[in-house]
Amino acid sequence: MSAFTRLNREKRLSEIDLDESIEIFQYDWNFQYNSIEVDDFIIKLSGDLVKKYPLRAYDSIQLASALKLNSVFLITTPSAYQFVSADKRLIDVAQKEGLETINPNEIHG
């Protein structure tokens, strides 16, 4: 939601495209994604990450959650998990932490 509204404020996404993007995201959130609970492990790890890297609070929670999930995927299906973000700084840190990453801004089709 933040990325969509930022693009709209920057005049790079029209009001119509903003509404459509939010609607698609909400559908995907409800039917395509699984959410995980932010627990003590994630809070501690996110704190460790902000000490180690110049991350914003929500980015550190997102990355800590991804690292927790990745540890599960490494056991069950090692190459099934990829961290997706359009934030170059967050992608760089995720790669330093060993995650496979995708930046949708760098996908050329």
N, C-alpha and C. Protein backbone atom coordinates (compact mmCIF):
# COMPACT_ATOMS: atom_id res chain seq x y z
N MET A 1 0.83 -1.18 0.00
CA MET A 1 0.00 0.00 0.00
C MET A 1 0.87 1.25 0.00
N SER A 2 1.92 1.22 0.79
CA SER A 2 2.81 2.37 0.87
C SER A 2 3.43 2.68 -0.49
N ALA A 3 3.90 1.65 -1.18
CA ALA A 3 4.53 1.87 -2.49
C ALA A 3 3.54 2.44 -3.49
N PHE A 4 2.31 1.92 -3.47
CA PHE A 4 1.31 2.43 -4.42
C PHE A 4 0.97 3.89 -4.15
N THR A 5 0.76 4.21 -2.89
CA THR A 5 0.39 5.59 -2.57
C THR A 5 1.55 6.55 -2.80
N ARG A 6 2.77 6.08 -2.57
CA ARG A 6 3.94 6.92 -2.85
C ARG A 6 4.02 7.21 -4.35
N LEU A 7 3.84 6.17 -5.17
CA LEU A 7 3.88 6.37 -6.62
C LEU A 7 2.78 7.33 -7.07
N ASN A 8 1.64 7.26 -6.43
CA ASN A 8 0.55 8.18 -6.75
C ASN A 8 0.90 9.60 -6.36
N ARG A 9 1.47 9.80 -5.18
CA ARG A 9 1.88 11.13 -4.75
C ARG A 9 2.95 11.72 -5.67
N GLU A 10 3.81 10.84 -6.20
CA GLU A 10 4.87 11.28 -7.10
C GLU A 10 4.37 11.44 -8.54
N LYS A 11 3.06 11.26 -8.73
CA LYS A 11 2.43 11.40 -10.05
C LYS A 11 2.93 10.35 -11.06
N ARG A 12 3.37 9.21 -10.54
CA ARG A 12 3.81 8.12 -11.41
C ARG A 12 2.75 7.03 -11.52
N LEU A 13 1.66 7.20 -10.77
CA LEU A 13 0.54 6.26 -10.80
C LEU A 13 -0.74 7.08 -10.68
N SER A 14 -1.62 6.94 -11.66
CA SER A 14 -2.87 7.71 -11.66
C SER A 14 -3.80 7.23 -10.54
N GLU A 15 -4.83 8.02 -10.26
CA GLU A 15 -5.82 7.63 -9.24
C GLU A 15 -6.49 6.32 -9.63
N ILE A 16 -6.82 6.16 -10.90
CA ILE A 16 -7.48 4.94 -11.37
C ILE A 16 -6.54 3.75 -11.19
N ASP A 17 -5.27 3.92 -11.59
CA ASP A 17 -4.30 2.83 -11.42
C ASP A 17 -4.03 2.55 -9.95
N LEU A 18 -4.05 3.60 -9.12
CA LEU A 18 -3.88 3.41 -7.68
C LEU A 18 -5.00 2.54 -7.14
N ASP A 19 -6.24 2.88 -7.45
CA ASP A 19 -7.38 2.10 -6.97
C ASP A 19 -7.31 0.66 -7.45
N GLU A 20 -6.95 0.47 -8.72
CA GLU A 20 -6.86 -0.88 -9.28
C GLU A 20 -5.72 -1.67 -8.62
N SER A 21 -4.59 -1.02 -8.40
CA SER A 21 -3.45 -1.69 -7.77
C SER A 21 -3.80 -2.12 -6.34
N ILE A 22 -4.47 -1.25 -5.61
CA ILE A 22 -4.87 -1.58 -4.24
C ILE A 22 -5.87 -2.73 -4.24
N GLU A 23 -6.81 -2.70 -5.16
CA GLU A 23 -7.79 -3.78 -5.25
C GLU A 23 -7.12 -5.12 -5.55
N ILE A 24 -6.19 -5.14 -6.48
CA ILE A 24 -5.46 -6.37 -6.81
C ILE A 24 -4.64 -6.84 -5.62
N PHE A 25 -3.96 -5.89 -4.97
CA PHE A 25 -3.16 -6.25 -3.80
C PHE A 25 -4.04 -6.86 -2.71
N GLN A 26 -5.18 -6.24 -2.44
CA GLN A 26 -6.06 -6.76 -1.39
C GLN A 26 -6.57 -8.16 -1.74
N TYR A 27 -6.86 -8.38 -3.01
CA TYR A 27 -7.28 -9.72 -3.43
C TYR A 27 -6.16 -10.71 -3.18
N ASP A 28 -4.95 -10.36 -3.65
CA ASP A 28 -3.80 -11.25 -3.45
C ASP A 28 -3.55 -11.50 -1.97
N TRP A 29 -3.65 -10.44 -1.15
CA TRP A 29 -3.43 -10.58 0.29
C TRP A 29 -4.40 -11.59 0.88
N ASN A 30 -5.66 -11.53 0.44
CA ASN A 30 -6.69 -12.41 0.98
C ASN A 30 -6.60 -13.84 0.46
N PHE A 31 -6.15 -14.03 -0.79
CA PHE A 31 -6.25 -15.34 -1.41
C PHE A 31 -4.93 -15.96 -1.88
N GLN A 32 -3.86 -15.19 -1.93
CA GLN A 32 -2.60 -15.72 -2.46
C GLN A 32 -1.49 -15.83 -1.41
N TYR A 33 -1.57 -15.04 -0.37
CA TYR A 33 -0.48 -14.97 0.61
C TYR A 33 -0.88 -15.59 1.93
N ASN A 34 0.13 -16.06 2.63
CA ASN A 34 -0.03 -16.50 4.01
C ASN A 34 0.69 -15.48 4.88
N SER A 35 0.12 -15.16 6.00
CA SER A 35 0.80 -14.23 6.91
C SER A 35 1.34 -15.02 8.10
N ILE A 36 2.36 -14.43 8.71
CA ILE A 36 2.91 -15.05 9.91
C ILE A 36 2.83 -14.06 11.05
N GLU A 37 2.79 -14.59 12.25
CA GLU A 37 2.71 -13.74 13.44
C GLU A 37 4.09 -13.18 13.78
N VAL A 38 4.10 -11.92 14.13
CA VAL A 38 5.34 -11.32 14.60
C VAL A 38 5.51 -11.77 16.05
N ASP A 39 6.51 -12.60 16.26
CA ASP A 39 6.73 -13.17 17.59
C ASP A 39 8.02 -12.63 18.20
N ASP A 40 8.37 -13.13 19.36
CA ASP A 40 9.58 -12.66 20.06
C ASP A 40 10.84 -12.89 19.24
N PHE A 41 10.91 -14.02 18.54
CA PHE A 41 12.07 -14.31 17.70
C PHE A 41 12.24 -13.24 16.63
N ILE A 42 11.15 -12.89 15.95
CA ILE A 42 11.20 -11.88 14.89
C ILE A 42 11.55 -10.51 15.46
N ILE A 43 11.00 -10.16 16.60
CA ILE A 43 11.32 -8.87 17.23
C ILE A 43 12.80 -8.80 17.57
N LYS A 44 13.34 -9.86 18.16
CA LYS A 44 14.77 -9.85 18.51
C LYS A 44 15.64 -9.78 17.27
N LEU A 45 15.31 -10.60 16.28
CA LEU A 45 16.11 -10.61 15.05
C LEU A 45 16.03 -9.26 14.33
N SER A 46 14.85 -8.64 14.32
CA SER A 46 14.75 -7.33 13.66
C SER A 46 15.60 -6.29 14.39
N GLY A 47 15.67 -6.39 15.71
CA GLY A 47 16.55 -5.50 16.48
C GLY A 47 18.01 -5.73 16.13
N ASP A 48 18.39 -6.99 16.00
CA ASP A 48 19.77 -7.31 15.60
C ASP A 48 20.07 -6.76 14.21
N LEU A 49 19.10 -6.85 13.32
CA LEU A 49 19.30 -6.38 11.95
C LEU A 49 19.49 -4.87 11.88
N VAL A 50 18.71 -4.11 12.68
CA VAL A 50 18.88 -2.65 12.64
C VAL A 50 20.18 -2.20 13.29
N LYS A 51 20.72 -3.02 14.17
CA LYS A 51 22.05 -2.72 14.72
C LYS A 51 23.13 -2.95 13.67
N LYS A 52 22.90 -3.92 12.82
CA LYS A 52 23.90 -4.34 11.84
C LYS A 52 23.82 -3.56 10.52
N TYR A 53 22.60 -3.14 10.13
CA TYR A 53 22.38 -2.49 8.83
C TYR A 53 21.52 -1.23 9.00
N PRO A 54 21.60 -0.30 8.05
CA PRO A 54 20.76 0.91 8.10
C PRO A 54 19.35 0.64 7.59
N LEU A 55 18.56 -0.05 8.39
CA LEU A 55 17.20 -0.42 8.01
C LEU A 55 16.17 0.39 8.77
N ARG A 56 15.04 0.63 8.14
CA ARG A 56 13.88 1.21 8.83
C ARG A 56 13.20 0.10 9.62
N ALA A 57 12.41 0.48 10.61
CA ALA A 57 11.82 -0.50 11.53
C ALA A 57 10.98 -1.55 10.79
N TYR A 58 10.06 -1.12 9.95
CA TYR A 58 9.21 -2.10 9.25
C TYR A 58 10.03 -2.97 8.31
N ASP A 59 11.07 -2.40 7.70
CA ASP A 59 11.92 -3.20 6.83
C ASP A 59 12.63 -4.29 7.62
N SER A 60 13.07 -3.96 8.82
CA SER A 60 13.76 -4.97 9.63
C SER A 60 12.80 -6.08 10.06
N ILE A 61 11.56 -5.74 10.33
CA ILE A 61 10.57 -6.77 10.68
C ILE A 61 10.27 -7.64 9.46
N GLN A 62 10.13 -7.00 8.29
CA GLN A 62 9.89 -7.76 7.06
C GLN A 62 11.05 -8.72 6.79
N LEU A 63 12.26 -8.23 6.92
CA LEU A 63 13.43 -9.06 6.66
C LEU A 63 13.58 -10.16 7.70
N ALA A 64 13.37 -9.83 8.96
CA ALA A 64 13.44 -10.86 10.02
C ALA A 64 12.40 -11.95 9.78
N SER A 65 11.22 -11.57 9.36
CA SER A 65 10.17 -12.55 9.05
C SER A 65 10.59 -13.43 7.89
N ALA A 66 11.17 -12.81 6.87
CA ALA A 66 11.64 -13.57 5.70
C ALA A 66 12.74 -14.54 6.09
N LEU A 67 13.65 -14.10 6.94
CA LEU A 67 14.73 -14.99 7.38
C LEU A 67 14.18 -16.17 8.18
N LYS A 68 13.18 -15.91 9.00
CA LYS A 68 12.56 -17.00 9.76
C LYS A 68 11.90 -17.99 8.81
N LEU A 69 11.15 -17.49 7.85
CA LEU A 69 10.50 -18.37 6.87
C LEU A 69 11.53 -19.13 6.04
N ASN A 70 12.58 -18.43 5.64
CA ASN A 70 13.60 -19.07 4.82
C ASN A 70 14.21 -20.26 5.53
N SER A 71 14.39 -20.16 6.85
CA SER A 71 14.97 -21.28 7.58
C SER A 71 14.08 -22.52 7.49
N VAL A 72 12.77 -22.32 7.41
CA VAL A 72 11.84 -23.44 7.24
C VAL A 72 11.93 -23.98 5.82
N PHE A 73 11.96 -23.08 4.84
CA PHE A 73 12.04 -23.52 3.44
C PHE A 73 13.35 -24.24 3.15
N LEU A 74 14.43 -23.85 3.80
CA LEU A 74 15.71 -24.52 3.58
C LEU A 74 15.63 -26.00 3.92
N ILE A 75 14.80 -26.30 4.91
CA ILE A 75 14.65 -27.70 5.34
C ILE A 75 13.73 -28.46 4.38
N THR A 76 12.63 -27.84 3.97
CA THR A 76 11.62 -28.56 3.18
C THR A 76 11.83 -28.44 1.67
N THR A 77 11.99 -27.24 1.16
CA THR A 77 12.15 -27.02 -0.28
C THR A 77 13.14 -25.88 -0.49
N PRO A 78 14.42 -26.18 -0.52
CA PRO A 78 15.48 -25.17 -0.48
C PRO A 78 15.40 -24.04 -1.52
N SER A 79 14.98 -24.32 -2.73
CA SER A 79 15.00 -23.27 -3.75
C SER A 79 13.62 -22.67 -4.01
N ALA A 80 12.66 -22.92 -3.12
CA ALA A 80 11.29 -22.47 -3.34
C ALA A 80 11.03 -21.05 -2.87
N TYR A 81 11.93 -20.48 -2.10
CA TYR A 81 11.66 -19.21 -1.45
C TYR A 81 12.54 -18.10 -2.00
N GLN A 82 11.88 -16.98 -2.37
CA GLN A 82 12.61 -15.80 -2.82
C GLN A 82 12.02 -14.58 -2.14
N PHE A 83 12.89 -13.69 -1.73
CA PHE A 83 12.51 -12.45 -1.07
C PHE A 83 12.28 -11.39 -2.15
N VAL A 84 11.09 -10.79 -2.17
CA VAL A 84 10.75 -9.81 -3.19
C VAL A 84 10.59 -8.44 -2.56
N SER A 85 11.30 -7.47 -3.12
CA SER A 85 11.18 -6.09 -2.68
C SER A 85 11.65 -5.18 -3.79
N ALA A 86 11.04 -4.01 -3.88
CA ALA A 86 11.47 -2.99 -4.84
C ALA A 86 12.43 -2.01 -4.18
N ASP A 87 12.79 -2.25 -2.94
CA ASP A 87 13.68 -1.37 -2.19
C ASP A 87 15.11 -1.90 -2.33
N LYS A 88 15.94 -1.19 -3.08
CA LYS A 88 17.30 -1.63 -3.38
C LYS A 88 18.11 -1.87 -2.10
N ARG A 89 17.98 -0.97 -1.14
CA ARG A 89 18.73 -1.13 0.11
C ARG A 89 18.31 -2.41 0.83
N LEU A 90 17.01 -2.66 0.88
CA LEU A 90 16.50 -3.86 1.55
C LEU A 90 16.94 -5.12 0.80
N ILE A 91 16.91 -5.07 -0.51
CA ILE A 91 17.38 -6.21 -1.32
C ILE A 91 18.85 -6.49 -1.03
N ASP A 92 19.66 -5.43 -0.99
CA ASP A 92 21.09 -5.61 -0.71
C ASP A 92 21.33 -6.29 0.64
N VAL A 93 20.60 -5.85 1.65
CA VAL A 93 20.75 -6.44 2.99
C VAL A 93 20.26 -7.89 2.98
N ALA A 94 19.13 -8.14 2.32
CA ALA A 94 18.61 -9.51 2.24
C ALA A 94 19.63 -10.44 1.58
N GLN A 95 20.29 -9.96 0.54
CA GLN A 95 21.31 -10.78 -0.12
C GLN A 95 22.49 -11.03 0.82
N LYS A 96 22.89 -9.99 1.57
CA LYS A 96 23.98 -10.17 2.54
C LYS A 96 23.61 -11.20 3.60
N GLU A 97 22.32 -11.31 3.89
CA GLU A 97 21.84 -12.28 4.88
C GLU A 97 21.57 -13.65 4.27
N GLY A 98 21.87 -13.79 2.97
CA GLY A 98 21.78 -15.10 2.33
C GLY A 98 20.48 -15.44 1.64
N LEU A 99 19.59 -14.47 1.49
CA LEU A 99 18.32 -14.75 0.82
C LEU A 99 18.46 -14.60 -0.69
N GLU A 100 17.74 -15.45 -1.42
CA GLU A 100 17.58 -15.24 -2.85
C GLU A 100 16.56 -14.12 -3.01
N THR A 101 16.83 -13.19 -3.91
CA THR A 101 15.98 -12.00 -3.99
C THR A 101 15.49 -11.74 -5.42
N ILE A 102 14.40 -10.99 -5.48
CA ILE A 102 13.86 -10.48 -6.73
C ILE A 102 13.49 -9.02 -6.50
N ASN A 103 13.97 -8.15 -7.38
CA ASN A 103 13.56 -6.75 -7.37
C ASN A 103 12.70 -6.55 -8.61
N PRO A 104 11.38 -6.36 -8.45
CA PRO A 104 10.50 -6.23 -9.62
C PRO A 104 10.86 -5.03 -10.51
N ASN A 105 11.57 -4.06 -9.97
CA ASN A 105 12.00 -2.92 -10.79
C ASN A 105 13.11 -3.29 -11.75
N GLU A 106 13.75 -4.42 -11.51
CA GLU A 106 14.87 -4.82 -12.35
C GLU A 106 14.52 -5.99 -13.27
N ILE A 107 13.24 -6.39 -13.30
CA ILE A 107 12.81 -7.47 -14.18
C ILE A 107 12.50 -6.86 -15.54
N HIS A 108 13.14 -7.37 -16.54
CA HIS A 108 12.93 -6.88 -17.90
C HIS A 108 12.35 -8.02 -18.71
N GLY A 109 11.17 -7.78 -19.27
CA GLY A 109 10.50 -8.87 -19.98
C GLY A 109 10.39 -8.61 -21.36
